[in-house]
Amino acid sequence: MISRLDYRQRVEKALTRSPIVALLGARQVGKRTLAREFVALDSANYLDLEDPLVTDLMENPMTALQGLKGCTGTDLYGAAIATLVRQG
């Protein structure tokens, strides 16, 4: 397994500077794996943007995100982006 400690530390530092951090890269390079170090897949804070129910929720993102605490992760499966949002 690839050590992602350096990347994790970079994301942690970025989250102290900004409430939103985007993980960009080619397909299958570990963006989702890195994001899951901050937000578990079974967490209410993990939003799979290919899930039709989540897509419907995101029609009104303020309502969908307002009650979440800590980090929220969004993932568009197979795409080149995963996003972490630090909540309150």
C-alpha atoms as a PDB file:
ATOM      1  CA  MET A   1       0.000   0.000   0.000  1.00  0.00           C
ATOM      2  CA  ILE A   2       1.167   3.498  -0.820  1.00  0.00           C
ATOM      3  CA  SER A   3       1.888   5.773   2.152  1.00  0.00           C
ATOM      4  CA  ARG A   4      -0.305   8.836   1.934  1.00  0.00           C
ATOM      5  CA  LEU A   5       0.951  10.495   5.115  1.00  0.00           C
ATOM      6  CA  ASP A   6       2.451  13.440   3.207  1.00  0.00           C
ATOM      7  CA  TYR A   7      -0.770  13.938   1.233  1.00  0.00           C
ATOM      8  CA  ARG A   8      -2.881  13.609   4.387  1.00  0.00           C
ATOM      9  CA  GLN A   9      -0.768  16.271   6.106  1.00  0.00           C
ATOM     10  CA  ARG A  10      -1.123  18.567   3.101  1.00  0.00           C
ATOM     11  CA  VAL A  11      -4.914  18.176   3.163  1.00  0.00           C
ATOM     12  CA  GLU A  12      -5.024  18.792   6.941  1.00  0.00           C
ATOM     13  CA  LYS A  13      -2.977  21.973   6.471  1.00  0.00           C
ATOM     14  CA  ALA A  14      -5.166  23.080   3.566  1.00  0.00           C
ATOM     15  CA  LEU A  15      -8.321  22.558   5.663  1.00  0.00           C
ATOM     16  CA  THR A  16      -6.920  24.963   8.276  1.00  0.00           C
ATOM     17  CA  ARG A  17      -6.536  27.635   5.578  1.00  0.00           C
ATOM     18  CA  SER A  18      -9.728  27.028   3.638  1.00  0.00           C
ATOM     19  CA  PRO A  19     -13.076  25.381   4.369  1.00  0.00           C
ATOM     20  CA  ILE A  20     -13.023  23.602   0.982  1.00  0.00           C
ATOM     21  CA  VAL A  21     -10.255  21.409  -0.414  1.00  0.00           C
ATOM     22  CA  ALA A  22     -10.524  19.733  -3.827  1.00  0.00           C
ATOM     23  CA  LEU A  23      -8.458  16.643  -4.535  1.00  0.00           C
ATOM     24  CA  LEU A  24      -7.714  16.640  -8.252  1.00  0.00           C
ATOM     25  CA  GLY A  25      -6.028  13.983 -10.325  1.00  0.00           C
ATOM     26  CA  ALA A  26      -6.374  11.321 -12.956  1.00  0.00           C
ATOM     27  CA  ARG A  27      -8.720   8.394 -12.439  1.00  0.00           C
ATOM     28  CA  GLN A  28      -7.727   5.762  -9.886  1.00  0.00           C
ATOM     29  CA  VAL A  29      -4.799   7.604  -8.306  1.00  0.00           C
ATOM     30  CA  GLY A  30      -6.216   7.553  -4.751  1.00  0.00           C
ATOM     31  CA  LYS A  31      -8.353  10.685  -4.374  1.00  0.00           C
ATOM     32  CA  ARG A  32     -11.287   8.789  -2.881  1.00  0.00           C
ATOM     33  CA  THR A  33      -8.989   6.720  -0.653  1.00  0.00           C
ATOM     34  CA  LEU A  34      -7.402   9.906   0.683  1.00  0.00           C
ATOM     35  CA  ALA A  35     -10.790  11.582   1.186  1.00  0.00           C
ATOM     36  CA  ARG A  36     -12.026   8.517   3.105  1.00  0.00           C
ATOM     37  CA  GLU A  37      -9.262   9.126   5.658  1.00  0.00           C
ATOM     38  CA  PHE A  38     -11.249  12.225   6.622  1.00  0.00           C
ATOM     39  CA  VAL A  39     -14.826  11.010   6.074  1.00  0.00           C
ATOM     40  CA  ALA A  40     -15.962   7.385   6.379  1.00  0.00           C
ATOM     41  CA  LEU A  41     -18.081   5.993   3.527  1.00  0.00           C
ATOM     42  CA  ASP A  42     -20.889   5.099   5.932  1.00  0.00           C
ATOM     43  CA  SER A  43     -20.923   8.591   7.448  1.00  0.00           C
ATOM     44  CA  ALA A  44     -23.856  10.918   6.827  1.00  0.00           C
ATOM     45  CA  ASN A  45     -21.147  13.392   5.833  1.00  0.00           C
ATOM     46  CA  TYR A  46     -20.111  11.311   2.810  1.00  0.00           C
ATOM     47  CA  LEU A  47     -22.053  12.279  -0.308  1.00  0.00           C
ATOM     48  CA  ASP A  48     -21.782  10.182  -3.452  1.00  0.00           C
ATOM     49  CA  LEU A  49     -22.782  12.569  -6.231  1.00  0.00           C
ATOM     50  CA  GLU A  50     -23.708   9.691  -8.518  1.00  0.00           C
ATOM     51  CA  ASP A  51     -26.435   8.560  -6.083  1.00  0.00           C
ATOM     52  CA  PRO A  52     -29.765   9.937  -7.379  1.00  0.00           C
ATOM     53  CA  LEU A  53     -30.992  10.624  -3.825  1.00  0.00           C
ATOM     54  CA  VAL A  54     -27.886  12.715  -3.095  1.00  0.00           C
ATOM     55  CA  THR A  55     -28.249  14.505  -6.420  1.00  0.00           C
ATOM     56  CA  ASP A  56     -31.813  15.430  -5.464  1.00  0.00           C
ATOM     57  CA  LEU A  57     -30.646  16.645  -2.030  1.00  0.00           C
ATOM     58  CA  MET A  58     -28.006  18.834  -3.635  1.00  0.00           C
ATOM     59  CA  GLU A  59     -30.686  20.761  -5.536  1.00  0.00           C
ATOM     60  CA  ASN A  60     -30.806  22.766  -2.291  1.00  0.00           C
ATOM     61  CA  PRO A  61     -27.279  22.399  -0.848  1.00  0.00           C
ATOM     62  CA  MET A  62     -27.796  24.705   2.143  1.00  0.00           C
ATOM     63  CA  THR A  63     -30.584  22.461   3.417  1.00  0.00           C
ATOM     64  CA  ALA A  64     -28.621  19.299   2.641  1.00  0.00           C
ATOM     65  CA  LEU A  65     -25.419  20.428   4.380  1.00  0.00           C
ATOM     66  CA  GLN A  66     -26.605  22.667   7.228  1.00  0.00           C
ATOM     67  CA  GLY A  67     -26.767  20.007   9.970  1.00  0.00           C
ATOM     68  CA  LEU A  68     -23.434  18.334   9.213  1.00  0.00           C
ATOM     69  CA  LYS A  69     -20.428  18.758  11.516  1.00  0.00           C
ATOM     70  CA  GLY A  70     -16.754  18.044  10.865  1.00  0.00           C
ATOM     71  CA  CYS A  71     -15.615  17.194   7.346  1.00  0.00           C
ATOM     72  CA  THR A  72     -18.009  16.443   4.546  1.00  0.00           C
ATOM     73  CA  GLY A  73     -16.735  14.503   1.563  1.00  0.00           C
ATOM     74  CA  THR A  74     -18.239  14.516  -1.889  1.00  0.00           C
ATOM     75  CA  ASP A  75     -17.262  12.062  -4.557  1.00  0.00           C
ATOM     76  CA  LEU A  76     -18.111  11.835  -8.202  1.00  0.00           C
ATOM     77  CA  TYR A  77     -17.140   8.230  -8.904  1.00  0.00           C
ATOM     78  CA  GLY A  78     -14.721   7.795 -11.756  1.00  0.00           C
ATOM     79  CA  ALA A  79     -14.188  11.522 -12.113  1.00  0.00           C
ATOM     80  CA  ALA A  80     -11.082  13.522 -11.438  1.00  0.00           C
ATOM     81  CA  ILE A  81     -12.306  15.263  -8.300  1.00  0.00           C
ATOM     82  CA  ALA A  82     -13.108  14.573  -4.676  1.00  0.00           C
ATOM     83  CA  THR A  83     -13.925  17.464  -2.367  1.00  0.00           C
ATOM     84  CA  LEU A  84     -13.611  17.905   1.387  1.00  0.00           C
ATOM     85  CA  VAL A  85     -15.591  20.638   3.135  1.00  0.00           C
ATOM     86  CA  ARG A  86     -14.886  21.618   6.745  1.00  0.00           C
ATOM     87  CA  GLN A  87     -18.195  22.355   8.489  1.00  0.00           C
ATOM     88  CA  GLY A  88     -18.496  24.769  11.417  1.00  0.00           C
END
